[in-house]
Amino acid sequence: MARTNTIFEGVATALITPMTEDGVNFDQFGALIDWQIESGIDALVIAGTTGEGSTLTDEEHKACISFAVERAAGRVPIIAGTGSNHTEYGKQLTKYASDAGADACLIVTSYYNKAT
């Protein structure tokens, strides 16, 4: 029986975000994206918890999403990590990812940070 309404199939790699002391290493990030696609991956998860999404600056987070969408150039779907402990920020980041061309967003229920 054929499956219907399938959004994604196969394996999606949750990518790390290569960093330098100055921020995201986009040369390495691009090489990693290309290598994953050339190796036959079915989709990429960008800026999730494996990709340090919760510790990237707002500018870095958005830049990683936009860069990945542009670099993948439709070769595989891009799933953007947009979850946050701040509901409104998560909502804004999800809208940004959608506008940037991400195919889907990885969203978590807003988590909390326990204060002392």
PDB file of N, CA and C in Angstrom:
ATOM      1  N   MET A   1       0.841  -1.175   0.000  1.00  0.00           N
ATOM      2  CA  MET A   1       0.000   0.000   0.000  1.00  0.00           C
ATOM      3  C   MET A   1       0.892   1.246   0.000  1.00  0.00           C
ATOM      4  N   ALA A   2       0.617   2.178  -0.866  1.00  0.00           N
ATOM      5  CA  ALA A   2       1.396   3.405  -0.953  1.00  0.00           C
ATOM      6  C   ALA A   2       1.073   4.329   0.213  1.00  0.00           C
ATOM      7  N   ARG A   3       2.132   4.993   0.705  1.00  0.00           N
ATOM      8  CA  ARG A   3       1.926   5.972   1.771  1.00  0.00           C
ATOM      9  C   ARG A   3       1.489   7.287   1.158  1.00  0.00           C
ATOM     10  N   THR A   4       0.646   7.994   1.867  1.00  0.00           N
ATOM     11  CA  THR A   4       0.197   9.300   1.394  1.00  0.00           C
ATOM     12  C   THR A   4       0.511  10.354   2.435  1.00  0.00           C
ATOM     13  N   ASN A   5       0.533  11.595   2.013  1.00  0.00           N
ATOM     14  CA  ASN A   5       0.780  12.735   2.891  1.00  0.00           C
ATOM     15  C   ASN A   5       2.131  12.661   3.594  1.00  0.00           C
ATOM     16  N   THR A   6       3.103  12.046   2.967  1.00  0.00           N
ATOM     17  CA  THR A   6       4.434  11.962   3.543  1.00  0.00           C
ATOM     18  C   THR A   6       5.175  13.262   3.267  1.00  0.00           C
ATOM     19  N   ILE A   7       5.678  13.852   4.322  1.00  0.00           N
ATOM     20  CA  ILE A   7       6.437  15.088   4.155  1.00  0.00           C
ATOM     21  C   ILE A   7       7.902  14.767   3.907  1.00  0.00           C
ATOM     22  N   PHE A   8       8.474  13.918   4.754  1.00  0.00           N
ATOM     23  CA  PHE A   8       9.871  13.535   4.625  1.00  0.00           C
ATOM     24  C   PHE A   8       9.989  12.026   4.700  1.00  0.00           C
ATOM     25  N   GLU A   9      10.976  11.503   4.031  1.00  0.00           N
ATOM     26  CA  GLU A   9      11.295  10.084   4.118  1.00  0.00           C
ATOM     27  C   GLU A   9      12.800   9.956   4.250  1.00  0.00           C
ATOM     28  N   GLY A  10      13.233   8.864   4.867  1.00  0.00           N
ATOM     29  CA  GLY A  10      14.656   8.594   4.947  1.00  0.00           C
ATOM     30  C   GLY A  10      15.294   9.150   6.197  1.00  0.00           C
ATOM     31  N   VAL A  11      16.551   9.548   6.052  1.00  0.00           N
ATOM     32  CA  VAL A  11      17.366   9.979   7.182  1.00  0.00           C
ATOM     33  C   VAL A  11      17.679  11.464   7.072  1.00  0.00           C
ATOM     34  N   ALA A  12      17.522  12.162   8.184  1.00  0.00           N
ATOM     35  CA  ALA A  12      17.897  13.581   8.273  1.00  0.00           C
ATOM     36  C   ALA A  12      19.036  13.704   9.265  1.00  0.00           C
ATOM     37  N   THR A  13      20.124  14.305   8.849  1.00  0.00           N
ATOM     38  CA  THR A  13      21.259  14.510   9.732  1.00  0.00           C
ATOM     39  C   THR A  13      21.070  15.804  10.510  1.00  0.00           C
ATOM     40  N   ALA A  14      21.216  15.710  11.834  1.00  0.00           N
ATOM     41  CA  ALA A  14      21.240  16.903  12.679  1.00  0.00           C
ATOM     42  C   ALA A  14      22.679  17.400  12.693  1.00  0.00           C
ATOM     43  N   LEU A  15      22.935  18.469  11.952  1.00  0.00           N
ATOM     44  CA  LEU A  15      24.305  18.949  11.780  1.00  0.00           C
ATOM     45  C   LEU A  15      24.822  19.716  12.987  1.00  0.00           C
ATOM     46  N   ILE A  16      26.115  19.566  13.227  1.00  0.00           N
ATOM     47  CA  ILE A  16      26.784  20.451  14.162  1.00  0.00           C
ATOM     48  C   ILE A  16      26.937  21.806  13.485  1.00  0.00           C
ATOM     49  N   THR A  17      27.239  22.819  14.258  1.00  0.00           N
ATOM     50  CA  THR A  17      27.552  24.133  13.708  1.00  0.00           C
ATOM     51  C   THR A  17      29.030  24.382  13.972  1.00  0.00           C
ATOM     52  N   PRO A  18      29.878  24.268  12.953  1.00  0.00           N
ATOM     53  CA  PRO A  18      31.310  24.499  13.164  1.00  0.00           C
ATOM     54  C   PRO A  18      31.557  25.946  13.605  1.00  0.00           C
ATOM     55  N   MET A  19      32.371  26.097  14.627  1.00  0.00           N
ATOM     56  CA  MET A  19      32.626  27.430  15.183  1.00  0.00           C
ATOM     57  C   MET A  19      34.120  27.730  15.199  1.00  0.00           C
ATOM     58  N   THR A  20      34.420  29.006  15.200  1.00  0.00           N
ATOM     59  CA  THR A  20      35.766  29.501  15.462  1.00  0.00           C
ATOM     60  C   THR A  20      35.634  30.428  16.675  1.00  0.00           C
ATOM     61  N   GLU A  21      36.716  31.003  17.092  1.00  0.00           N
ATOM     62  CA  GLU A  21      36.641  31.962  18.195  1.00  0.00           C
ATOM     63  C   GLU A  21      35.811  33.177  17.820  1.00  0.00           C
ATOM     64  N   ASP A  22      35.660  33.438  16.524  1.00  0.00           N
ATOM     65  CA  ASP A  22      34.931  34.611  16.060  1.00  0.00           C
ATOM     66  C   ASP A  22      33.481  34.332  15.699  1.00  0.00           C
ATOM     67  N   GLY A  23      33.047  33.076  15.774  1.00  0.00           N
ATOM     68  CA  GLY A  23      31.659  32.754  15.430  1.00  0.00           C
ATOM     69  C   GLY A  23      31.569  31.551  14.512  1.00  0.00           C
ATOM     70  N   VAL A  24      30.502  31.495  13.734  1.00  0.00           N
ATOM     71  CA  VAL A  24      30.249  30.351  12.860  1.00  0.00           C
ATOM     72  C   VAL A  24      31.299  30.286  11.752  1.00  0.00           C
ATOM     73  N   ASN A  25      31.822  29.093  11.516  1.00  0.00           N
ATOM     74  CA  ASN A  25      32.775  28.866  10.428  1.00  0.00           C
ATOM     75  C   ASN A  25      31.956  28.423   9.210  1.00  0.00           C
ATOM     76  N   PHE A  26      31.554  29.379   8.399  1.00  0.00           N
ATOM     77  CA  PHE A  26      30.678  29.085   7.270  1.00  0.00           C
ATOM     78  C   PHE A  26      31.376  28.281   6.176  1.00  0.00           C
ATOM     79  N   ASP A  27      32.694  28.403   6.046  1.00  0.00           N
ATOM     80  CA  ASP A  27      33.401  27.563   5.068  1.00  0.00           C
ATOM     81  C   ASP A  27      33.237  26.093   5.435  1.00  0.00           C
ATOM     82  N   GLN A  28      33.483  25.762   6.689  1.00  0.00           N
ATOM     83  CA  GLN A  28      33.331  24.383   7.151  1.00  0.00           C
ATOM     84  C   GLN A  28      31.871  23.939   7.150  1.00  0.00           C
ATOM     85  N   PHE A  29      30.980  24.844   7.504  1.00  0.00           N
ATOM     86  CA  PHE A  29      29.549  24.538   7.515  1.00  0.00           C
ATOM     87  C   PHE A  29      29.085  24.177   6.101  1.00  0.00           C
ATOM     88  N   GLY A  30      29.514  24.964   5.120  1.00  0.00           N
ATOM     89  CA  GLY A  30      29.167  24.683   3.728  1.00  0.00           C
ATOM     90  C   GLY A  30      29.726  23.357   3.257  1.00  0.00           C
ATOM     91  N   ALA A  31      30.975  23.073   3.619  1.00  0.00           N
ATOM     92  CA  ALA A  31      31.597  21.792   3.241  1.00  0.00           C
ATOM     93  C   ALA A  31      30.851  20.619   3.877  1.00  0.00           C
ATOM     94  N   LEU A  32      30.419  20.792   5.112  1.00  0.00           N
ATOM     95  CA  LEU A  32      29.671  19.742   5.808  1.00  0.00           C
ATOM     96  C   LEU A  32      28.314  19.505   5.138  1.00  0.00           C
ATOM     97  N   ILE A  33      27.638  20.579   4.776  1.00  0.00           N
ATOM     98  CA  ILE A  33      26.350  20.462   4.079  1.00  0.00           C
ATOM     99  C   ILE A  33      26.539  19.720   2.759  1.00  0.00           C
ATOM    100  N   ASP A  34      27.524  20.145   1.978  1.00  0.00           N
ATOM    101  CA  ASP A  34      27.776  19.501   0.680  1.00  0.00           C
ATOM    102  C   ASP A  34      28.122  18.021   0.852  1.00  0.00           C
ATOM    103  N   TRP A  35      28.978  17.702   1.823  1.00  0.00           N
ATOM    104  CA  TRP A  35      29.390  16.323   2.049  1.00  0.00           C
ATOM    105  C   TRP A  35      28.197  15.455   2.422  1.00  0.00           C
ATOM    106  N   GLN A  36      27.332  15.953   3.282  1.00  0.00           N
ATOM    107  CA  GLN A  36      26.147  15.193   3.674  1.00  0.00           C
ATOM    108  C   GLN A  36      25.251  14.920   2.461  1.00  0.00           C
ATOM    109  N   ILE A  37      25.021  15.932   1.652  1.00  0.00           N
ATOM    110  CA  ILE A  37      24.164  15.766   0.472  1.00  0.00           C
ATOM    111  C   ILE A  37      24.804  14.804  -0.522  1.00  0.00           C
ATOM    112  N   GLU A  38      26.105  14.978  -0.774  1.00  0.00           N
ATOM    113  CA  GLU A  38      26.814  14.089  -1.706  1.00  0.00           C
ATOM    114  C   GLU A  38      26.832  12.642  -1.209  1.00  0.00           C
ATOM    115  N   SER A  39      26.732  12.459   0.099  1.00  0.00           N
ATOM    116  CA  SER A  39      26.738  11.123   0.693  1.00  0.00           C
ATOM    117  C   SER A  39      25.358  10.480   0.701  1.00  0.00           C
ATOM    118  N   GLY A  40      24.349  11.214   0.232  1.00  0.00           N
ATOM    119  CA  GLY A  40      23.028  10.638   0.066  1.00  0.00           C
ATOM    120  C   GLY A  40      22.023  10.886   1.181  1.00  0.00           C
ATOM    121  N   ILE A  41      22.286  11.840   2.043  1.00  0.00           N
ATOM    122  CA  ILE A  41      21.342  12.144   3.120  1.00  0.00           C
ATOM    123  C   ILE A  41      20.033  12.659   2.517  1.00  0.00           C
ATOM    124  N   ASP A  42      18.924  12.442   3.222  1.00  0.00           N
ATOM    125  CA  ASP A  42      17.607  12.818   2.695  1.00  0.00           C
ATOM    126  C   ASP A  42      17.127  14.192   3.144  1.00  0.00           C
ATOM    127  N   ALA A  43      17.656  14.711   4.252  1.00  0.00           N
ATOM    128  CA  ALA A  43      17.283  16.034   4.761  1.00  0.00           C
ATOM    129  C   ALA A  43      18.332  16.465   5.772  1.00  0.00           C
ATOM    130  N   LEU A  44      18.352  17.758   6.089  1.00  0.00           N
ATOM    131  CA  LEU A  44      19.302  18.292   7.063  1.00  0.00           C
ATOM    132  C   LEU A  44      18.562  19.085   8.138  1.00  0.00           C
ATOM    133  N   VAL A  45      18.964  18.878   9.388  1.00  0.00           N
ATOM    134  CA  VAL A  45      18.437  19.655  10.515  1.00  0.00           C
ATOM    135  C   VAL A  45      19.504  20.681  10.882  1.00  0.00           C
ATOM    136  N   ILE A  46      19.115  21.936  10.851  1.00  0.00           N
ATOM    137  CA  ILE A  46      20.038  23.043  11.091  1.00  0.00           C
ATOM    138  C   ILE A  46      19.686  23.741  12.402  1.00  0.00           C
ATOM    139  N   ALA A  47      20.690  23.981  13.223  1.00  0.00           N
ATOM    140  CA  ALA A  47      20.541  24.755  14.466  1.00  0.00           C
ATOM    141  C   ALA A  47      19.562  24.124  15.450  1.00  0.00           C
ATOM    142  N   GLY A  48      19.560  22.802  15.487  1.00  0.00           N
ATOM    143  CA  GLY A  48      18.825  22.118  16.545  1.00  0.00           C
ATOM    144  C   GLY A  48      19.716  22.039  17.765  1.00  0.00           C
ATOM    145  N   THR A  49      19.427  21.152  18.693  1.00  0.00           N
ATOM    146  CA  THR A  49      20.259  21.074  19.889  1.00  0.00           C
ATOM    147  C   THR A  49      21.641  20.511  19.579  1.00  0.00           C
ATOM    148  N   THR A  50      21.761  19.661  18.553  1.00  0.00           N
ATOM    149  CA  THR A  50      23.081  19.175  18.137  1.00  0.00           C
ATOM    150  C   THR A  50      23.893  20.307  17.520  1.00  0.00           C
ATOM    151  N   GLY A  51      23.205  21.240  16.870  1.00  0.00           N
ATOM    152  CA  GLY A  51      23.853  22.369  16.214  1.00  0.00           C
ATOM    153  C   GLY A  51      23.949  23.598  17.086  1.00  0.00           C
ATOM    154  N   GLU A  52      23.868  23.388  18.391  1.00  0.00           N
ATOM    155  CA  GLU A  52      24.045  24.493  19.342  1.00  0.00           C
ATOM    156  C   GLU A  52      23.025  25.610  19.187  1.00  0.00           C
ATOM    157  N   GLY A  53      21.827  25.291  18.695  1.00  0.00           N
ATOM    158  CA  GLY A  53      20.811  26.305  18.461  1.00  0.00           C
ATOM    159  C   GLY A  53      20.499  27.167  19.669  1.00  0.00           C
ATOM    160  N   SER A  54      20.551  26.583  20.849  1.00  0.00           N
ATOM    161  CA  SER A  54      20.205  27.350  22.049  1.00  0.00           C
ATOM    162  C   SER A  54      21.322  28.277  22.509  1.00  0.00           C
ATOM    163  N   THR A  55      22.521  28.141  21.952  1.00  0.00           N
ATOM    164  CA  THR A  55      23.625  29.005  22.372  1.00  0.00           C
ATOM    165  C   THR A  55      24.108  29.948  21.276  1.00  0.00           C
ATOM    166  N   LEU A  56      23.555  29.835  20.089  1.00  0.00           N
ATOM    167  CA  LEU A  56      23.910  30.770  19.021  1.00  0.00           C
ATOM    168  C   LEU A  56      23.265  32.122  19.295  1.00  0.00           C
ATOM    169  N   THR A  57      23.918  33.181  18.868  1.00  0.00           N
ATOM    170  CA  THR A  57      23.266  34.490  18.942  1.00  0.00           C
ATOM    171  C   THR A  57      22.108  34.501  17.943  1.00  0.00           C
ATOM    172  N   ASP A  58      21.226  35.448  18.078  1.00  0.00           N
ATOM    173  CA  ASP A  58      20.108  35.571  17.144  1.00  0.00           C
ATOM    174  C   ASP A  58      20.625  35.702  15.713  1.00  0.00           C
ATOM    175  N   GLU A  59      21.644  36.532  15.531  1.00  0.00           N
ATOM    176  CA  GLU A  59      22.203  36.750  14.192  1.00  0.00           C
ATOM    177  C   GLU A  59      22.824  35.463  13.642  1.00  0.00           C
ATOM    178  N   GLU A  60      23.567  34.733  14.488  1.00  0.00           N
ATOM    179  CA  GLU A  60      24.185  33.479  14.051  1.00  0.00           C
ATOM    180  C   GLU A  60      23.126  32.436  13.692  1.00  0.00           C
ATOM    181  N   HIS A  61      22.091  32.336  14.529  1.00  0.00           N
ATOM    182  CA  HIS A  61      21.028  31.358  14.300  1.00  0.00           C
ATOM    183  C   HIS A  61      20.359  31.600  12.947  1.00  0.00           C
ATOM    184  N   LYS A  62      19.975  32.845  12.713  1.00  0.00           N
ATOM    185  CA  LYS A  62      19.327  33.200  11.445  1.00  0.00           C
ATOM    186  C   LYS A  62      20.274  33.001  10.269  1.00  0.00           C
ATOM    187  N   ALA A  63      21.529  33.375  10.451  1.00  0.00           N
ATOM    188  CA  ALA A  63      22.505  33.223   9.365  1.00  0.00           C
ATOM    189  C   ALA A  63      22.708  31.751   9.016  1.00  0.00           C
ATOM    190  N   CYS A  64      22.726  30.872  10.018  1.00  0.00           N
ATOM    191  CA  CYS A  64      22.890  29.434   9.761  1.00  0.00           C
ATOM    192  C   CYS A  64      21.721  28.893   8.952  1.00  0.00           C
ATOM    193  N   ILE A  65      20.520  29.305   9.305  1.00  0.00           N
ATOM    194  CA  ILE A  65      19.329  28.846   8.579  1.00  0.00           C
ATOM    195  C   ILE A  65      19.372  29.326   7.141  1.00  0.00           C
ATOM    196  N   SER A  66      19.588  30.621   6.957  1.00  0.00           N
ATOM    197  CA  SER A  66      19.623  31.184   5.594  1.00  0.00           C
ATOM    198  C   SER A  66      20.739  30.565   4.764  1.00  0.00           C
ATOM    199  N   PHE A  67      21.910  30.416   5.369  1.00  0.00           N
ATOM    200  CA  PHE A  67      23.051  29.834   4.669  1.00  0.00           C
ATOM    201  C   PHE A  67      22.736  28.415   4.216  1.00  0.00           C
ATOM    202  N   ALA A  68      22.165  27.616   5.110  1.00  0.00           N
ATOM    203  CA  ALA A  68      21.870  26.218   4.773  1.00  0.00           C
ATOM    204  C   ALA A  68      20.844  26.118   3.650  1.00  0.00           C
ATOM    205  N   VAL A  69      19.819  26.960   3.697  1.00  0.00           N
ATOM    206  CA  VAL A  69      18.809  26.952   2.631  1.00  0.00           C
ATOM    207  C   VAL A  69      19.468  27.285   1.296  1.00  0.00           C
ATOM    208  N   GLU A  70      20.298  28.320   1.294  1.00  0.00           N
ATOM    209  CA  GLU A  70      20.968  28.723   0.053  1.00  0.00           C
ATOM    210  C   GLU A  70      21.961  27.659  -0.415  1.00  0.00           C
ATOM    211  N   ARG A  71      22.716  27.084   0.498  1.00  0.00           N
ATOM    212  CA  ARG A  71      23.747  26.108   0.125  1.00  0.00           C
ATOM    213  C   ARG A  71      23.116  24.818  -0.393  1.00  0.00           C
ATOM    214  N   ALA A  72      22.056  24.373   0.264  1.00  0.00           N
ATOM    215  CA  ALA A  72      21.388  23.143  -0.178  1.00  0.00           C
ATOM    216  C   ALA A  72      20.709  23.346  -1.525  1.00  0.00           C
ATOM    217  N   ALA A  73      20.247  24.543  -1.779  1.00  0.00           N
ATOM    218  CA  ALA A  73      19.673  24.909  -3.075  1.00  0.00           C
ATOM    219  C   ALA A  73      18.625  23.907  -3.567  1.00  0.00           C
ATOM    220  N   GLY A  74      17.784  23.441  -2.649  1.00  0.00           N
ATOM    221  CA  GLY A  74      16.705  22.538  -3.033  1.00  0.00           C
ATOM    222  C   GLY A  74      17.125  21.085  -3.216  1.00  0.00           C
ATOM    223  N   ARG A  75      18.405  20.768  -2.988  1.00  0.00           N
ATOM    224  CA  ARG A  75      18.849  19.385  -3.174  1.00  0.00           C
ATOM    225  C   ARG A  75      18.264  18.443  -2.123  1.00  0.00           C
ATOM    226  N   VAL A  76      18.077  18.940  -0.913  1.00  0.00           N
ATOM    227  CA  VAL A  76      17.419  18.187   0.166  1.00  0.00           C
ATOM    228  C   VAL A  76      16.610  19.184   0.987  1.00  0.00           C
ATOM    229  N   PRO A  77      15.579  18.712   1.683  1.00  0.00           N
ATOM    230  CA  PRO A  77      14.831  19.609   2.565  1.00  0.00           C
ATOM    231  C   PRO A  77      15.695  20.084   3.736  1.00  0.00           C
ATOM    232  N   ILE A  78      15.438  21.310   4.152  1.00  0.00           N
ATOM    233  CA  ILE A  78      16.094  21.891   5.325  1.00  0.00           C
ATOM    234  C   ILE A  78      15.055  22.005   6.440  1.00  0.00           C
ATOM    235  N   ILE A  79      15.399  21.432   7.585  1.00  0.00           N
ATOM    236  CA  ILE A  79      14.552  21.500   8.773  1.00  0.00           C
ATOM    237  C   ILE A  79      15.284  22.399   9.762  1.00  0.00           C
ATOM    238  N   ALA A  80      14.703  23.538  10.080  1.00  0.00           N
ATOM    239  CA  ALA A  80      15.358  24.528  10.939  1.00  0.00           C
ATOM    240  C   ALA A  80      14.933  24.359  12.384  1.00  0.00           C
ATOM    241  N   GLY A  81      15.911  24.282  13.275  1.00  0.00           N
ATOM    242  CA  GLY A  81      15.618  24.254  14.700  1.00  0.00           C
ATOM    243  C   GLY A  81      15.213  25.646  15.165  1.00  0.00           C
ATOM    244  N   THR A  82      13.976  25.785  15.619  1.00  0.00           N
ATOM    245  CA  THR A  82      13.486  27.104  16.033  1.00  0.00           C
ATOM    246  C   THR A  82      12.873  27.097  17.430  1.00  0.00           C
ATOM    247  N   GLY A  83      13.101  26.031  18.175  1.00  0.00           N
ATOM    248  CA  GLY A  83      12.569  25.967  19.530  1.00  0.00           C
ATOM    249  C   GLY A  83      13.328  26.909  20.453  1.00  0.00           C
ATOM    250  N   SER A  84      12.672  27.315  21.526  1.00  0.00           N
ATOM    251  CA  SER A  84      13.286  28.261  22.451  1.00  0.00           C
ATOM    252  C   SER A  84      12.603  28.168  23.810  1.00  0.00           C
ATOM    253  N   ASN A  85      13.284  28.680  24.823  1.00  0.00           N
ATOM    254  CA  ASN A  85      12.638  28.799  26.129  1.00  0.00           C
ATOM    255  C   ASN A  85      11.784  30.052  26.200  1.00  0.00           C
ATOM    256  N   HIS A  86      11.802  30.841  25.157  1.00  0.00           N
ATOM    257  CA  HIS A  86      11.018  32.078  25.084  1.00  0.00           C
ATOM    258  C   HIS A  86      10.015  31.920  23.944  1.00  0.00           C
ATOM    259  N   THR A  87       8.760  31.775  24.286  1.00  0.00           N
ATOM    260  CA  THR A  87       7.731  31.459  23.291  1.00  0.00           C
ATOM    261  C   THR A  87       7.698  32.454  22.146  1.00  0.00           C
ATOM    262  N   GLU A  88       7.734  33.731  22.446  1.00  0.00           N
ATOM    263  CA  GLU A  88       7.654  34.749  21.394  1.00  0.00           C
ATOM    264  C   GLU A  88       8.874  34.696  20.476  1.00  0.00           C
ATOM    265  N   TYR A  89      10.054  34.466  21.050  1.00  0.00           N
ATOM    266  CA  TYR A  89      11.255  34.351  20.218  1.00  0.00           C
ATOM    267  C   TYR A  89      11.155  33.132  19.310  1.00  0.00           C
ATOM    268  N   GLY A  90      10.701  32.015  19.849  1.00  0.00           N
ATOM    269  CA  GLY A  90      10.522  30.820  19.037  1.00  0.00           C
ATOM    270  C   GLY A  90       9.564  31.065  17.879  1.00  0.00           C
ATOM    271  N   LYS A  91       8.518  31.798  18.154  1.00  0.00           N
ATOM    272  CA  LYS A  91       7.537  32.144  17.114  1.00  0.00           C
ATOM    273  C   LYS A  91       8.191  33.021  16.036  1.00  0.00           C
ATOM    274  N   GLN A  92       8.953  34.020  16.459  1.00  0.00           N
ATOM    275  CA  GLN A  92       9.621  34.913  15.500  1.00  0.00           C
ATOM    276  C   GLN A  92      10.665  34.155  14.676  1.00  0.00           C
ATOM    277  N   LEU A  93      11.408  33.273  15.328  1.00  0.00           N
ATOM    278  CA  LEU A  93      12.438  32.502  14.622  1.00  0.00           C
ATOM    279  C   LEU A  93      11.806  31.527  13.630  1.00  0.00           C
ATOM    280  N   THR A  94      10.661  30.958  13.988  1.00  0.00           N
ATOM    281  CA  THR A  94       9.947  30.061  13.078  1.00  0.00           C
ATOM    282  C   THR A  94       9.476  30.825  11.849  1.00  0.00           C
ATOM    283  N   LYS A  95       8.966  32.028  12.042  1.00  0.00           N
ATOM    284  CA  LYS A  95       8.544  32.856  10.905  1.00  0.00           C
ATOM    285  C   LYS A  95       9.746  33.196  10.036  1.00  0.00           C
ATOM    286  N   TYR A  96      10.871  33.536  10.668  1.00  0.00           N
ATOM    287  CA  TYR A  96      12.083  33.840   9.907  1.00  0.00           C
ATOM    288  C   TYR A  96      12.496  32.645   9.054  1.00  0.00           C
ATOM    289  N   ALA A  97      12.532  31.464   9.669  1.00  0.00           N
ATOM    290  CA  ALA A  97      12.948  30.257   8.947  1.00  0.00           C
ATOM    291  C   ALA A  97      12.022  29.975   7.772  1.00  0.00           C
ATOM    292  N   SER A  98      10.745  30.156   7.999  1.00  0.00           N
ATOM    293  CA  SER A  98       9.774  29.949   6.919  1.00  0.00           C
ATOM    294  C   SER A  98      10.023  30.931   5.781  1.00  0.00           C
ATOM    295  N   ASP A  99      10.195  32.193   6.128  1.00  0.00           N
ATOM    296  CA  ASP A  99      10.449  33.218   5.111  1.00  0.00           C
ATOM    297  C   ASP A  99      11.771  32.993   4.395  1.00  0.00           C
ATOM    298  N   ALA A 100      12.747  32.401   5.089  1.00  0.00           N
ATOM    299  CA  ALA A 100      14.065  32.147   4.490  1.00  0.00           C
ATOM    300  C   ALA A 100      14.051  30.943   3.557  1.00  0.00           C
ATOM    301  N   GLY A 101      12.979  30.158   3.592  1.00  0.00           N
ATOM    302  CA  GLY A 101      12.858  29.026   2.675  1.00  0.00           C
ATOM    303  C   GLY A 101      13.058  27.659   3.297  1.00  0.00           C
ATOM    304  N   ALA A 102      13.137  27.585   4.633  1.00  0.00           N
ATOM    305  CA  ALA A 102      13.237  26.272   5.270  1.00  0.00           C
ATOM    306  C   ALA A 102      11.988  25.464   4.938  1.00  0.00           C
ATOM    307  N   ASP A 103      12.159  24.171   4.781  1.00  0.00           N
ATOM    308  CA  ASP A 103      11.041  23.298   4.421  1.00  0.00           C
ATOM    309  C   ASP A 103      10.192  22.903   5.615  1.00  0.00           C
ATOM    310  N   ALA A 104      10.780  22.952   6.794  1.00  0.00           N
ATOM    311  CA  ALA A 104      10.056  22.615   8.023  1.00  0.00           C
ATOM    312  C   ALA A 104      10.831  23.206   9.193  1.00  0.00           C
ATOM    313  N   CYS A 105      10.187  23.222  10.348  1.00  0.00           N
ATOM    314  CA  CYS A 105      10.841  23.700  11.560  1.00  0.00           C
ATOM    315  C   CYS A 105      10.747  22.635  12.638  1.00  0.00           C
ATOM    316  N   LEU A 106      11.798  22.525  13.414  1.00  0.00           N
ATOM    317  CA  LEU A 106      11.859  21.616  14.544  1.00  0.00           C
ATOM    318  C   LEU A 106      11.579  22.470  15.781  1.00  0.00           C
ATOM    319  N   ILE A 107      10.406  22.265  16.367  1.00  0.00           N
ATOM    320  CA  ILE A 107       9.945  23.124  17.453  1.00  0.00           C
ATOM    321  C   ILE A 107       9.683  22.274  18.686  1.00  0.00           C
ATOM    322  N   VAL A 108      10.069  22.784  19.826  1.00  0.00           N
ATOM    323  CA  VAL A 108       9.792  22.115  21.091  1.00  0.00           C
ATOM    324  C   VAL A 108       8.861  23.006  21.908  1.00  0.00           C
ATOM    325  N   THR A 109       8.144  22.383  22.824  1.00  0.00           N
ATOM    326  CA  THR A 109       7.387  23.179  23.783  1.00  0.00           C
ATOM    327  C   THR A 109       8.388  24.048  24.524  1.00  0.00           C
ATOM    328  N   SER A 110       8.052  25.301  24.737  1.00  0.00           N
ATOM    329  CA  SER A 110       8.996  26.207  25.403  1.00  0.00           C
ATOM    330  C   SER A 110       9.476  25.596  26.701  1.00  0.00           C
ATOM    331  N   TYR A 111      10.771  25.404  26.788  1.00  0.00           N
ATOM    332  CA  TYR A 111      11.359  24.804  27.977  1.00  0.00           C
ATOM    333  C   TYR A 111      11.684  25.900  28.972  1.00  0.00           C
ATOM    334  N   TYR A 112      11.991  25.518  30.173  1.00  0.00           N
ATOM    335  CA  TYR A 112      12.292  26.528  31.187  1.00  0.00           C
ATOM    336  C   TYR A 112      13.707  26.351  31.712  1.00  0.00           C
ATOM    337  N   ASN A 113      14.230  27.433  32.216  1.00  0.00           N
ATOM    338  CA  ASN A 113      15.515  27.425  32.893  1.00  0.00           C
ATOM    339  C   ASN A 113      15.232  27.663  34.370  1.00  0.00           C
ATOM    340  N   LYS A 114      15.632  26.735  35.201  1.00  0.00           N
ATOM    341  CA  LYS A 114      15.368  26.855  36.628  1.00  0.00           C
ATOM    342  C   LYS A 114      16.357  27.832  37.248  1.00  0.00           C
ATOM    343  N   ALA A 115      15.824  28.854  37.845  1.00  0.00           N
ATOM    344  CA  ALA A 115      16.675  29.847  38.512  1.00  0.00           C
ATOM    345  C   ALA A 115      17.075  29.335  39.902  1.00  0.00           C
ATOM    346  N   THR A 116      18.143  29.907  40.439  1.00  0.00           N
ATOM    347  CA  THR A 116      18.562  29.524  41.795  1.00  0.00           C
ATOM    348  C   THR A 116      17.632  30.139  42.818  1.00  0.00           C
TER     349      THR A 116
END
